[in-house]
C-alpha atoms as a PDB file:
ATOM      1  CA  MET A   1      65.866-102.547 190.530  1.00  0.00           C
ATOM      2  CA  GLU A   2      69.401-101.420 191.241  1.00  0.00           C
ATOM      3  CA  VAL A   3      70.318 -97.772 191.745  1.00  0.00           C
ATOM      4  CA  THR A   4      73.912 -96.685 191.115  1.00  0.00           C
ATOM      5  CA  THR A   5      75.482 -93.282 191.595  1.00  0.00           C
ATOM      6  CA  GLN A   6      78.553 -91.970 189.848  1.00  0.00           C
ATOM      7  CA  GLN A   7      80.260 -88.744 190.890  1.00  0.00           C
ATOM      8  CA  PHE A   8      81.690 -86.363 188.329  1.00  0.00           C
ATOM      9  CA  ARG A   9      83.388 -83.043 188.839  1.00  0.00           C
ATOM     10  CA  ARG A  10      80.343 -80.966 187.931  1.00  0.00           C
ATOM     11  CA  CYS A  11      77.460 -83.275 188.830  1.00  0.00           C
ATOM     12  CA  SER A  12      76.294 -86.689 190.000  1.00  0.00           C
ATOM     13  CA  VAL A  13      74.754 -89.299 187.690  1.00  0.00           C
ATOM     14  CA  VAL A  14      72.070 -91.598 189.085  1.00  0.00           C
ATOM     15  CA  LYS A  15      71.288 -94.687 187.020  1.00  0.00           C
ATOM     16  CA  THR A  16      68.689 -97.380 187.504  1.00  0.00           C
ATOM     17  CA  ASN A  17      67.120-100.155 185.484  1.00  0.00           C
ATOM     18  CA  GLY A  18      63.776-101.904 185.137  1.00  0.00           C
ATOM     19  CA  ARG A  19      60.520-100.467 186.403  1.00  0.00           C
ATOM     20  CA  ILE A  20      59.979 -97.446 188.606  1.00  0.00           C
ATOM     21  CA  ASP A  21      56.655 -98.016 190.323  1.00  0.00           C
ATOM     22  CA  ALA A  22      55.155 -97.926 193.810  1.00  0.00           C
ATOM     23  CA  SER A  23      57.382-100.732 195.063  1.00  0.00           C
ATOM     24  CA  THR A  24      60.684 -99.414 193.662  1.00  0.00           C
ATOM     25  CA  ALA A  25      60.227 -95.621 193.770  1.00  0.00           C
ATOM     26  CA  PRO A  26      61.161 -95.348 197.483  1.00  0.00           C
ATOM     27  CA  GLU A  27      64.584 -96.827 196.711  1.00  0.00           C
ATOM     28  CA  LEU A  28      65.121 -94.200 194.010  1.00  0.00           C
ATOM     29  CA  GLN A  29      63.924 -91.450 196.365  1.00  0.00           C
ATOM     30  CA  GLU A  30      66.441 -92.604 198.987  1.00  0.00           C
ATOM     31  CA  ALA A  31      69.282 -92.372 196.441  1.00  0.00           C
ATOM     32  CA  PHE A  32      68.284 -88.843 195.444  1.00  0.00           C
ATOM     33  CA  ASP A  33      67.794 -87.816 199.082  1.00  0.00           C
ATOM     34  CA  ALA A  34      71.253 -89.115 200.034  1.00  0.00           C
ATOM     35  CA  LEU A  35      72.815 -86.952 197.320  1.00  0.00           C
ATOM     36  CA  THR A  36      70.917 -83.790 198.198  1.00  0.00           C
ATOM     37  CA  GLU A  37      71.588 -84.252 201.912  1.00  0.00           C
ATOM     38  CA  ALA A  38      75.295 -84.489 201.035  1.00  0.00           C
ATOM     39  CA  GLY A  39      75.045 -81.105 199.291  1.00  0.00           C
ATOM     40  CA  LYS A  40      74.945 -82.419 195.726  1.00  0.00           C
ATOM     41  CA  TYR A  41      72.252 -80.553 193.799  1.00  0.00           C
ATOM     42  CA  ARG A  42      73.376 -80.949 190.190  1.00  0.00           C
ATOM     43  CA  LEU A  43      71.944 -84.324 189.210  1.00  0.00           C
ATOM     44  CA  VAL A  44      71.604 -86.295 185.977  1.00  0.00           C
ATOM     45  CA  PHE A  45      69.133 -89.169 185.981  1.00  0.00           C
ATOM     46  CA  ASP A  46      70.238 -91.765 183.404  1.00  0.00           C
ATOM     47  CA  MET A  47      66.999 -93.423 182.275  1.00  0.00           C
ATOM     48  CA  SER A  48      68.506 -95.479 179.444  1.00  0.00           C
ATOM     49  CA  GLU A  49      67.644 -98.798 181.113  1.00  0.00           C
ATOM     50  CA  VAL A  50      64.280 -97.783 182.628  1.00  0.00           C
ATOM     51  CA  ASP A  51      61.426 -99.710 180.990  1.00  0.00           C
ATOM     52  CA  PHE A  52      58.489 -98.110 182.779  1.00  0.00           C
ATOM     53  CA  ILE A  53      57.800 -95.204 185.124  1.00  0.00           C
ATOM     54  CA  SER A  54      54.558 -94.788 187.048  1.00  0.00           C
ATOM     55  CA  SER A  55      53.012 -91.693 188.573  1.00  0.00           C
ATOM     56  CA  VAL A  56      54.820 -92.478 191.830  1.00  0.00           C
ATOM     57  CA  GLY A  57      58.134 -92.420 189.968  1.00  0.00           C
ATOM     58  CA  LEU A  58      57.188 -89.145 188.307  1.00  0.00           C
ATOM     59  CA  ARG A  59      56.442 -87.722 191.747  1.00  0.00           C
ATOM     60  CA  VAL A  60      59.962 -88.675 192.899  1.00  0.00           C
ATOM     61  CA  LEU A  61      61.386 -86.731 189.943  1.00  0.00           C
ATOM     62  CA  ILE A  62      59.286 -83.652 190.721  1.00  0.00           C
ATOM     63  CA  ASP A  63      60.186 -83.692 194.427  1.00  0.00           C
ATOM     64  CA  THR A  64      63.885 -84.103 193.687  1.00  0.00           C
ATOM     65  CA  ARG A  65      63.842 -81.326 191.109  1.00  0.00           C
ATOM     66  CA  LYS A  66      62.186 -78.963 193.607  1.00  0.00           C
ATOM     67  CA  THR A  67      64.879 -79.748 196.166  1.00  0.00           C
ATOM     68  CA  CYS A  68      67.692 -79.253 193.646  1.00  0.00           C
ATOM     69  CA  ARG A  69      66.355 -75.969 192.284  1.00  0.00           C
ATOM     70  CA  ARG A  70      65.570 -74.435 195.675  1.00  0.00           C
ATOM     71  CA  TYR A  71      67.677 -71.287 196.148  1.00  0.00           C
ATOM     72  CA  ASN A  72      69.148 -71.794 192.627  1.00  0.00           C
ATOM     73  CA  ARG A  73      71.503 -74.496 193.877  1.00  0.00           C
ATOM     74  CA  GLY A  74      71.248 -76.859 190.916  1.00  0.00           C
ATOM     75  CA  ASP A  75      68.884 -78.928 188.807  1.00  0.00           C
ATOM     76  CA  LEU A  76      67.787 -82.437 187.915  1.00  0.00           C
ATOM     77  CA  VAL A  77      68.004 -83.338 184.228  1.00  0.00           C
ATOM     78  CA  LEU A  78      66.946 -86.537 182.486  1.00  0.00           C
ATOM     79  CA  ALA A  79      69.066 -88.512 180.037  1.00  0.00           C
ATOM     80  CA  GLY A  80      68.409 -91.291 177.537  1.00  0.00           C
ATOM     81  CA  PRO A  81      64.771 -92.234 178.176  1.00  0.00           C
ATOM     82  CA  SER A  82      63.458 -95.174 176.156  1.00  0.00           C
ATOM     83  CA  GLU A  83      60.590 -94.649 173.701  1.00  0.00           C
ATOM     84  CA  ASN A  84      58.061 -95.982 176.224  1.00  0.00           C
ATOM     85  CA  VAL A  85      59.322 -93.681 178.962  1.00  0.00           C
ATOM     86  CA  LYS A  86      59.464 -90.740 176.510  1.00  0.00           C
ATOM     87  CA  ARG A  87      55.768 -91.217 175.759  1.00  0.00           C
ATOM     88  CA  THR A  88      54.965 -91.275 179.464  1.00  0.00           C
ATOM     89  CA  LEU A  89      56.979 -88.097 180.055  1.00  0.00           C
ATOM     90  CA  GLU A  90      55.282 -86.371 177.118  1.00  0.00           C
ATOM     91  CA  LEU A  91      51.790 -87.395 178.242  1.00  0.00           C
ATOM     92  CA  ALA A  92      52.486 -86.171 181.767  1.00  0.00           C
ATOM     93  CA  GLY A  93      53.807 -82.851 180.436  1.00  0.00           C
ATOM     94  CA  PHE A  94      57.310 -83.390 181.815  1.00  0.00           C
ATOM     95  CA  TYR A  95      59.107 -82.356 178.634  1.00  0.00           C
ATOM     96  CA  SER A  96      58.244 -78.747 179.441  1.00  0.00           C
ATOM     97  CA  LEU A  97      59.456 -79.131 183.049  1.00  0.00           C
ATOM     98  CA  PHE A  98      62.724 -81.026 182.618  1.00  0.00           C
ATOM     99  CA  ASP A  99      65.704 -80.739 180.331  1.00  0.00           C
ATOM    100  CA  VAL A 100      65.843 -84.109 178.548  1.00  0.00           C
ATOM    101  CA  TYR A 101      69.017 -85.208 176.746  1.00  0.00           C
ATOM    102  CA  ASP A 102      69.606 -88.139 174.408  1.00  0.00           C
ATOM    103  CA  THR A 103      72.664 -89.433 176.271  1.00  0.00           C
ATOM    104  CA  PRO A 104      74.078 -89.115 179.791  1.00  0.00           C
ATOM    105  CA  ILE A 105      77.319 -87.708 178.339  1.00  0.00           C
ATOM    106  CA  GLU A 106      75.383 -84.877 176.689  1.00  0.00           C
ATOM    107  CA  ALA A 107      73.512 -84.211 179.945  1.00  0.00           C
ATOM    108  CA  VAL A 108      76.718 -84.092 182.008  1.00  0.00           C
ATOM    109  CA  GLY A 109      78.285 -81.766 179.448  1.00  0.00           C
ATOM    110  CA  ASN A 110      75.381 -79.338 179.772  1.00  0.00           C
ATOM    111  CA  MET A 111      75.277 -79.211 183.573  1.00  0.00           C
END
């Protein structure tokens, strides 16, 4: 799994590929932590190339969202999840917690 970060004027986009599970979730958490420690709280997570996300990966999303939303500083939104990941998010009840957009461009435009 490779995690990339792209800075935009209004937000930061984090993109990864492959599986997010117990072995790869810490790498994703480190990327999110580095951004929030640098004062960047408006984050878009581009999930277009994520094939699978486990409960550990979902926990990373929840923790990051809590950090971003603390004191109304920002938010974490999700963009472009695959059908498999969409089902996982729906089953876990994450569609009511997160703003989910079809494309990263749409997500960045709404930040």
